Amino acid sequence: MMNEALKLMLTGMSTVFFILIMVVVLGNIIIRITNRFEVAVVDPSGAASNSQKEIKPSKLAAIVSAIEITTKGKGRVTSVEKMSE
């Protein structure tokens, strides 16, 4: 009786573990495929920015360092824009 219970428990736990590993692997594959085919958004108004939309260098440095720490060096900041309220 105890032997059957242990077999059933190990089967259930290994099934759950296998499914969780598959979720992580498939999630990483989907993320890599999505990042590879990412479409770059181009601003049709040009690169001119007015003084109200400029970001202070200290805030930009904080954003860049936060991304660097969070992604452990794998992420990069390509653009930062101030949102209008």
C-alpha atoms as a PDB file:
ATOM      1  CA  MET A   1       0.000   0.000   0.000  1.00  0.00           C
ATOM      2  CA  MET A   2       2.758   2.458   0.939  1.00  0.00           C
ATOM      3  CA  ASN A   3       4.756   1.477  -2.137  1.00  0.00           C
ATOM      4  CA  GLU A   4       1.825   2.374  -4.411  1.00  0.00           C
ATOM      5  CA  ALA A   5       1.357   5.717  -2.670  1.00  0.00           C
ATOM      6  CA  LEU A   6       5.022   6.608  -3.182  1.00  0.00           C
ATOM      7  CA  LYS A   7       4.861   5.623  -6.866  1.00  0.00           C
ATOM      8  CA  LEU A   8       1.740   7.723  -7.354  1.00  0.00           C
ATOM      9  CA  MET A   9       3.275  10.708  -5.562  1.00  0.00           C
ATOM     10  CA  LEU A  10       6.515  10.522  -7.561  1.00  0.00           C
ATOM     11  CA  THR A  11       4.600  10.162 -10.831  1.00  0.00           C
ATOM     12  CA  GLY A  12       2.473  13.212 -10.052  1.00  0.00           C
ATOM     13  CA  MET A  13       5.397  15.326  -8.911  1.00  0.00           C
ATOM     14  CA  SER A  14       7.530  14.410 -11.933  1.00  0.00           C
ATOM     15  CA  THR A  15       4.625  15.190 -14.272  1.00  0.00           C
ATOM     16  CA  VAL A  16       4.155  18.637 -12.720  1.00  0.00           C
ATOM     17  CA  PHE A  17       7.908  19.275 -12.823  1.00  0.00           C
ATOM     18  CA  PHE A  18       8.072  18.253 -16.497  1.00  0.00           C
ATOM     19  CA  ILE A  19       5.143  20.532 -17.410  1.00  0.00           C
ATOM     20  CA  LEU A  20       6.696  23.489 -15.569  1.00  0.00           C
ATOM     21  CA  ILE A  21      10.006  22.969 -17.388  1.00  0.00           C
ATOM     22  CA  MET A  22       8.141  22.852 -20.713  1.00  0.00           C
ATOM     23  CA  VAL A  23       6.383  26.146 -19.879  1.00  0.00           C
ATOM     24  CA  VAL A  24       9.720  27.839 -19.151  1.00  0.00           C
ATOM     25  CA  VAL A  25      11.403  26.461 -22.282  1.00  0.00           C
ATOM     26  CA  LEU A  26       8.493  27.326 -24.582  1.00  0.00           C
ATOM     27  CA  GLY A  27       8.219  30.780 -23.012  1.00  0.00           C
ATOM     28  CA  ASN A  28      11.901  31.461 -23.702  1.00  0.00           C
ATOM     29  CA  ILE A  29      11.535  30.243 -27.290  1.00  0.00           C
ATOM     30  CA  ILE A  30       8.536  32.504 -27.861  1.00  0.00           C
ATOM     31  CA  ILE A  31      10.392  35.486 -26.366  1.00  0.00           C
ATOM     32  CA  ARG A  32      13.433  34.895 -28.608  1.00  0.00           C
ATOM     33  CA  ILE A  33      11.282  34.550 -31.740  1.00  0.00           C
ATOM     34  CA  THR A  34       9.345  37.697 -30.873  1.00  0.00           C
ATOM     35  CA  ASN A  35      12.521  39.685 -30.211  1.00  0.00           C
ATOM     36  CA  ARG A  36      14.065  38.529 -33.473  1.00  0.00           C
ATOM     37  CA  PHE A  37      11.135  39.780 -35.564  1.00  0.00           C
ATOM     38  CA  GLU A  38      10.492  42.969 -33.601  1.00  0.00           C
ATOM     39  CA  VAL A  39       9.445  45.864 -35.811  1.00  0.00           C
ATOM     40  CA  ALA A  40      11.267  49.135 -35.209  1.00  0.00           C
ATOM     41  CA  VAL A  41       8.935  52.086 -34.718  1.00  0.00           C
ATOM     42  CA  VAL A  42      10.034  55.174 -36.630  1.00  0.00           C
ATOM     43  CA  ASP A  43       8.810  58.611 -35.572  1.00  0.00           C
ATOM     44  CA  PRO A  44       7.486  60.284 -38.746  1.00  0.00           C
ATOM     45  CA  SER A  45       7.941  63.774 -37.275  1.00  0.00           C
ATOM     46  CA  GLY A  46      11.738  63.402 -37.342  1.00  0.00           C
ATOM     47  CA  ALA A  47      14.334  63.520 -34.620  1.00  0.00           C
ATOM     48  CA  ALA A  48      13.589  67.077 -33.526  1.00  0.00           C
ATOM     49  CA  SER A  49      12.507  67.243 -29.918  1.00  0.00           C
ATOM     50  CA  ASN A  50      11.361  70.262 -28.034  1.00  0.00           C
ATOM     51  CA  SER A  51      12.824  71.267 -24.682  1.00  0.00           C
ATOM     52  CA  GLN A  52       9.756  70.084 -22.742  1.00  0.00           C
ATOM     53  CA  LYS A  53      10.275  66.470 -23.829  1.00  0.00           C
ATOM     54  CA  GLU A  54      13.963  66.271 -22.911  1.00  0.00           C
ATOM     55  CA  ILE A  55      14.876  64.036 -20.000  1.00  0.00           C
ATOM     56  CA  LYS A  56      17.398  65.128 -17.376  1.00  0.00           C
ATOM     57  CA  PRO A  57      20.737  63.310 -17.649  1.00  0.00           C
ATOM     58  CA  SER A  58      20.509  62.127 -14.041  1.00  0.00           C
ATOM     59  CA  LYS A  59      17.119  60.489 -14.678  1.00  0.00           C
ATOM     60  CA  LEU A  60      18.405  58.915 -17.893  1.00  0.00           C
ATOM     61  CA  ALA A  61      21.410  57.513 -16.024  1.00  0.00           C
ATOM     62  CA  ALA A  62      19.088  56.056 -13.368  1.00  0.00           C
ATOM     63  CA  ILE A  63      16.911  54.412 -16.032  1.00  0.00           C
ATOM     64  CA  VAL A  64      19.908  52.950 -17.858  1.00  0.00           C
ATOM     65  CA  SER A  65      21.471  51.610 -14.660  1.00  0.00           C
ATOM     66  CA  ALA A  66      18.154  50.101 -13.515  1.00  0.00           C
ATOM     67  CA  ILE A  67      17.803  48.272 -16.837  1.00  0.00           C
ATOM     68  CA  GLU A  68      21.434  47.136 -16.621  1.00  0.00           C
ATOM     69  CA  ILE A  69      20.930  45.721 -13.115  1.00  0.00           C
ATOM     70  CA  THR A  70      17.530  44.164 -13.823  1.00  0.00           C
ATOM     71  CA  THR A  71      18.593  42.396 -17.027  1.00  0.00           C
ATOM     72  CA  LYS A  72      22.102  41.554 -15.734  1.00  0.00           C
ATOM     73  CA  GLY A  73      23.728  43.271 -18.701  1.00  0.00           C
ATOM     74  CA  LYS A  74      21.560  41.606 -21.389  1.00  0.00           C
ATOM     75  CA  GLY A  75      19.171  44.519 -21.917  1.00  0.00           C
ATOM     76  CA  ARG A  76      19.828  47.888 -23.466  1.00  0.00           C
ATOM     77  CA  VAL A  77      18.031  51.198 -23.644  1.00  0.00           C
ATOM     78  CA  THR A  78      17.484  52.291 -27.237  1.00  0.00           C
ATOM     79  CA  SER A  79      15.224  55.267 -26.608  1.00  0.00           C
ATOM     80  CA  VAL A  80      13.519  57.054 -23.752  1.00  0.00           C
ATOM     81  CA  GLU A  81      10.571  59.343 -24.292  1.00  0.00           C
ATOM     82  CA  LYS A  82       8.619  61.446 -21.869  1.00  0.00           C
ATOM     83  CA  MET A  83       4.906  60.656 -22.009  1.00  0.00           C
ATOM     84  CA  SER A  84       2.447  63.491 -22.283  1.00  0.00           C
ATOM     85  CA  GLU A  85      -0.092  63.693 -19.484  1.00  0.00           C
END
